[in-house]
Each structure stands twice: as C-alpha cells, then as structure tokens.
Protein backbone atom coordinates (compact mmCIF):
# COMPACT_ATOMS: atom_id res chain seq x y z
CA UNK A 1 -11.40 -19.99 -7.23
CA UNK A 2 -9.67 -21.59 -4.29
CA UNK A 3 -11.41 -23.23 -1.41
CA UNK A 4 -10.94 -22.56 2.29
CA UNK A 5 -10.16 -25.88 3.96
CA UNK A 6 -9.51 -24.69 7.56
CA UNK A 7 -10.03 -21.27 9.14
CA UNK A 8 -9.65 -19.95 12.69
CA UNK A 9 -9.54 -16.26 13.51
CA UNK A 10 -9.42 -16.17 17.36
CA UNK A 11 -6.79 -13.91 18.85
CA UNK A 12 -6.66 -16.07 21.97
CA UNK A 13 -6.42 -19.49 20.34
CA UNK A 14 -4.87 -18.81 16.93
CA UNK A 15 -5.25 -17.09 13.58
CA UNK A 16 -4.71 -19.35 10.60
CA UNK A 17 -6.23 -20.53 7.30
CA UNK A 18 -5.50 -23.28 4.83
CA UNK A 19 -6.54 -22.70 1.21
CA UNK A 20 -6.75 -25.36 -1.51
CA UNK A 21 -5.89 -23.67 -4.79
CA UNK A 22 -7.58 -24.60 -8.14
CA UNK A 23 -4.79 -27.01 -9.10
CA UNK A 24 -4.94 -28.87 -5.81
CA UNK A 25 -1.90 -27.24 -4.10
CA UNK A 26 -2.48 -25.98 -0.58
CA UNK A 27 -1.17 -22.93 1.26
CA UNK A 28 -1.23 -22.28 5.02
CA UNK A 29 -1.51 -18.75 6.34
CA UNK A 30 -0.62 -18.08 9.97
CA UNK A 31 -0.75 -14.84 11.91
CA UNK A 32 1.05 -14.28 15.23
CA UNK A 33 2.21 -11.35 17.23
CA UNK A 34 5.56 -11.63 15.50
CA UNK A 35 3.98 -11.25 12.04
CA UNK A 36 2.47 -13.27 9.21
CA UNK A 37 3.71 -16.32 7.41
CA UNK A 38 2.48 -18.18 4.29
CA UNK A 39 3.69 -21.71 3.65
CA UNK A 40 3.22 -24.40 1.04
CA UNK A 41 1.59 -27.50 2.56
CA UNK A 42 3.26 -30.87 2.15
CA UNK A 43 2.35 -34.48 2.81
CA UNK A 44 -1.07 -34.12 1.28
CA UNK A 45 -1.73 -30.89 3.09
CA UNK A 46 -1.05 -32.28 6.55
CA UNK A 47 1.93 -30.14 7.64
CA UNK A 48 3.38 -26.73 6.61
CA UNK A 49 6.48 -27.00 4.46
CA UNK A 50 8.48 -24.39 2.56
CA UNK A 51 7.81 -20.77 3.58
CA UNK A 52 6.77 -18.78 0.48
CA UNK A 53 6.26 -15.44 2.21
CA UNK A 54 6.89 -13.95 5.65
CA UNK A 55 6.81 -10.48 7.19
CA UNK A 56 6.70 -8.68 10.51
CA UNK A 57 6.33 -5.24 8.86
CA UNK A 58 2.75 -4.26 9.65
CA UNK A 59 2.83 -1.16 7.47
CA UNK A 60 3.95 -3.21 4.43
CA UNK A 61 1.28 -5.85 5.02
CA UNK A 62 -1.45 -3.26 5.22
CA UNK A 63 -0.16 -1.78 1.95
CA UNK A 64 0.02 -5.13 0.22
CA UNK A 65 -3.22 -6.69 1.54
CA UNK A 66 -5.22 -3.57 2.46
CA UNK A 67 -8.67 -3.08 1.03
CA UNK A 68 -9.81 0.51 0.96
CA UNK A 69 -13.42 -0.81 0.70
CA UNK A 70 -13.05 -2.80 3.93
CA UNK A 71 -10.61 -0.91 6.10
CA UNK A 72 -11.65 -2.71 9.32
CA UNK A 73 -11.10 -6.19 7.97
CA UNK A 74 -8.65 -8.38 9.98
CA UNK A 75 -5.28 -9.10 8.50
CA UNK A 76 -5.99 -12.81 8.12
CA UNK A 77 -9.21 -12.08 6.23
CA UNK A 78 -7.34 -9.63 4.01
CA UNK A 79 -4.65 -12.19 3.16
CA UNK A 80 -7.24 -14.92 2.46
CA UNK A 81 -9.19 -12.57 0.16
CA UNK A 82 -5.89 -11.68 -1.60
CA UNK A 83 -4.88 -15.31 -2.26
CA UNK A 84 -8.12 -17.26 -2.61
CA UNK A 85 -8.47 -16.44 -6.31
CA UNK A 86 -4.97 -17.79 -7.22
CA UNK A 87 -5.06 -20.84 -9.39
CA UNK A 88 -1.56 -22.12 -8.53
CA UNK A 89 1.16 -21.74 -5.93
CA UNK A 90 3.36 -20.02 -8.48
CA UNK A 91 0.59 -17.39 -9.10
CA UNK A 92 0.37 -16.83 -5.31
CA UNK A 93 4.18 -16.37 -5.06
CA UNK A 94 4.04 -13.83 -7.91
CA UNK A 95 1.26 -11.83 -6.18
CA UNK A 96 3.32 -11.82 -2.97
CA UNK A 97 6.40 -10.17 -4.45
CA UNK A 98 6.77 -6.66 -3.19
C-alpha cells in the first residue's frame, strides 16, 4: 500500500496530495477550479513532471472515482483512495484509463 507524503485539502489555500507508491515512485494529485491533474514526480519527488491524467469533466470524475459508500467524500480524498493501493506508476496509469 502506498504512503501519503503530503496532503492539503483546503479550498482557500490548495488541494493536493503526494503519494509514494510501493516501488518508490511518487505521484502528485492537484485539484483546482479548472479540474484535476495527476503527475509523476521527478527529481526525487521534488517537482511534478509528466502529466499522467487530467480532466475537467466533473461528471466523468465522479463516475471514475465515486464511492457509493461515501457519497459526500471530497474529490481529492476519492482520488487518493483510488490510487493509494497502486504498487507502481504503470498500475496507476492503467487504473486511470477510461
């Protein structure tokens, strides 16, 4: 299971999370008014690099990340829960195909 390295869920100051996957790779999730973006971290996890997934389609995001058991969960928390169990970046990419 992956480990949450950084997490901020404050609509005023930012919504983001960095997850370290089982194999050591890191992904960065950021949420803005324009949508959501998931990037591979580079330079030892210091800066976001290649975008592996991006969307501004709220309906599609709810369908992909939605959890009928927790319908009031924030989008950031839903994406984190969806990806934290991935062992590799490749596995995360495969889960994000829609």
